[in-house]
Amino acid sequence: MSTLYHNPRCSKSRAALDLLREHGIEPDIRHFLEEPPSIDELSGRLDKLGGAGARSLLRTTEPDFAELGLQDPALDDDTLLAAMRAHPRLIERPIFVHGGKAIIGRPPERVLDVLDSND
């Protein structure tokens, strides 16, 4: 099973979806801005990303990042995950989950790395 955390307004997210389809993968599409992932779900994505910290999922260019003071290095993962849950625009995209792994599709071609490692 494959899932793409997708924002159809994001060119990188659209490109990743096109690449997956070109390779015969039709992932479940998760419109995370409309249906924000739970904190447990976000934590699970971190595990599938190889145990990366919550900061690896943050979009630091979003205005909410600065407005919420999330640049503070003292903030723990729980605080950052709660901010992403409350403000899903802060979640980096696209995130492709395939098998037991996940990857952030930036650049979009990176989504193919998960296919190569699982198939």
Protein backbone atom coordinates (compact mmCIF):
# COMPACT_ATOMS: atom_id res chain seq x y z
CA MET A 1 0.00 0.00 0.00
CA SER A 2 1.21 3.47 -0.89
CA THR A 3 0.06 6.85 0.38
CA LEU A 4 0.95 10.31 -0.85
CA TYR A 5 0.43 13.23 1.52
CA HIS A 6 -0.54 15.65 -1.19
CA ASN A 7 -1.37 19.29 -1.75
CA PRO A 8 -2.74 19.67 -5.28
CA ARG A 9 -1.76 23.37 -5.30
CA CYS A 10 1.92 22.47 -4.77
CA SER A 11 3.93 21.96 -7.95
CA LYS A 12 6.36 19.55 -6.21
CA SER A 13 3.46 17.47 -4.92
CA ARG A 14 1.82 17.36 -8.37
CA ALA A 15 5.13 16.38 -9.98
CA ALA A 16 5.66 13.57 -7.46
CA LEU A 17 2.18 12.21 -8.13
CA ASP A 18 2.79 12.33 -11.89
CA LEU A 19 6.08 10.45 -11.47
CA LEU A 20 4.45 7.75 -9.37
CA ARG A 21 1.70 7.30 -11.93
CA GLU A 22 4.28 7.10 -14.73
CA HIS A 23 5.81 4.19 -12.79
CA GLY A 24 2.49 2.40 -12.43
CA ILE A 25 1.84 3.43 -8.81
CA GLU A 26 -1.58 4.84 -7.93
CA PRO A 27 -1.17 5.85 -4.29
CA ASP A 28 -3.93 6.61 -1.87
CA ILE A 29 -4.08 10.39 -1.86
CA ARG A 30 -4.16 12.09 1.51
CA HIS A 31 -5.19 15.74 1.23
CA PHE A 32 -3.53 16.63 4.52
CA LEU A 33 -4.63 20.26 4.50
CA GLU A 34 -8.28 19.15 4.49
CA GLU A 35 -7.73 16.14 6.75
CA PRO A 36 -4.75 16.89 9.00
CA PRO A 37 -2.86 13.86 10.28
CA SER A 38 -3.03 13.07 13.98
CA ILE A 39 0.02 13.52 16.17
CA ASP A 40 0.39 9.72 16.29
CA GLU A 41 0.23 9.57 12.50
CA LEU A 42 2.88 12.29 12.17
CA SER A 43 5.05 10.47 14.68
CA GLY A 44 4.66 7.29 12.61
CA ARG A 45 5.80 9.16 9.51
CA LEU A 46 8.91 10.21 11.40
CA ASP A 47 9.65 6.57 12.21
CA LYS A 48 9.24 5.64 8.53
CA LEU A 49 11.53 8.51 7.58
CA GLY A 50 14.26 6.72 9.49
CA GLY A 51 13.79 8.23 12.92
CA ALA A 52 14.27 11.82 11.79
CA GLY A 53 13.24 14.51 14.24
CA ALA A 54 10.04 16.49 13.88
CA ARG A 55 11.96 19.44 12.42
CA SER A 56 12.54 17.37 9.28
CA LEU A 57 8.80 17.65 8.55
CA LEU A 58 8.56 21.41 9.08
CA ARG A 59 8.15 23.90 6.25
CA THR A 60 10.29 26.71 7.59
CA THR A 61 9.19 29.11 4.83
CA GLU A 62 5.56 29.17 5.97
CA PRO A 63 4.57 32.37 7.79
CA ASP A 64 3.16 30.29 10.67
CA PHE A 65 6.67 28.94 11.33
CA ALA A 66 7.97 32.37 12.37
CA GLU A 67 4.70 33.58 13.88
CA LEU A 68 4.57 30.57 16.22
CA GLY A 69 8.25 30.88 17.19
CA LEU A 70 9.04 27.39 15.90
CA GLN A 71 12.61 28.33 15.05
CA ASP A 72 13.40 28.03 18.77
CA PRO A 73 15.83 25.06 19.03
CA ALA A 74 14.60 24.35 22.57
CA LEU A 75 11.20 23.18 21.30
CA ASP A 76 10.78 19.41 21.55
CA ASP A 77 9.25 17.06 18.99
CA ASP A 78 5.93 16.90 20.84
CA THR A 79 5.54 20.68 20.61
CA LEU A 80 6.48 20.71 16.93
CA LEU A 81 4.12 17.84 16.09
CA ALA A 82 1.28 19.61 17.91
CA ALA A 83 1.97 22.76 15.87
CA MET A 84 1.88 20.75 12.63
CA ARG A 85 -1.39 19.11 13.66
CA ALA A 86 -2.94 22.50 14.41
CA HIS A 87 -1.41 24.18 11.33
CA PRO A 88 -1.05 21.51 8.62
CA ARG A 89 0.48 24.00 6.17
CA LEU A 90 3.61 23.60 8.28
CA ILE A 91 3.98 19.98 7.12
CA GLU A 92 6.54 19.48 4.38
CA ARG A 93 5.13 17.99 1.20
CA PRO A 94 4.81 15.75 -0.53
CA ILE A 95 5.41 12.79 1.76
CA PHE A 96 5.29 9.41 0.06
CA VAL A 97 4.80 6.30 2.18
CA HIS A 98 5.44 2.93 0.54
CA GLY A 99 5.97 -0.32 2.36
CA GLY A 100 7.78 0.34 5.59
CA LYS A 101 9.44 3.57 4.46
CA ALA A 102 8.60 7.18 3.78
CA ILE A 103 10.36 9.98 1.96
CA ILE A 104 9.83 13.69 1.47
CA GLY A 105 9.54 14.25 -2.27
CA ARG A 106 11.83 17.25 -2.59
CA PRO A 107 12.90 17.08 -5.29
CA PRO A 108 9.94 15.05 -6.57
CA GLU A 109 12.20 12.35 -8.04
CA ARG A 110 13.06 11.26 -4.51
CA VAL A 111 9.74 9.40 -4.29
CA LEU A 112 11.22 6.84 -6.68
CA ASP A 113 13.97 6.03 -4.13
CA VAL A 114 11.37 4.42 -1.85
CA LEU A 115 10.12 2.29 -4.73
CA ASP A 116 13.65 1.12 -5.49
CA SER A 117 14.33 0.23 -1.87
CA ASN A 118 11.10 -1.73 -1.38
CA ASP A 119 10.58 -3.52 -4.68
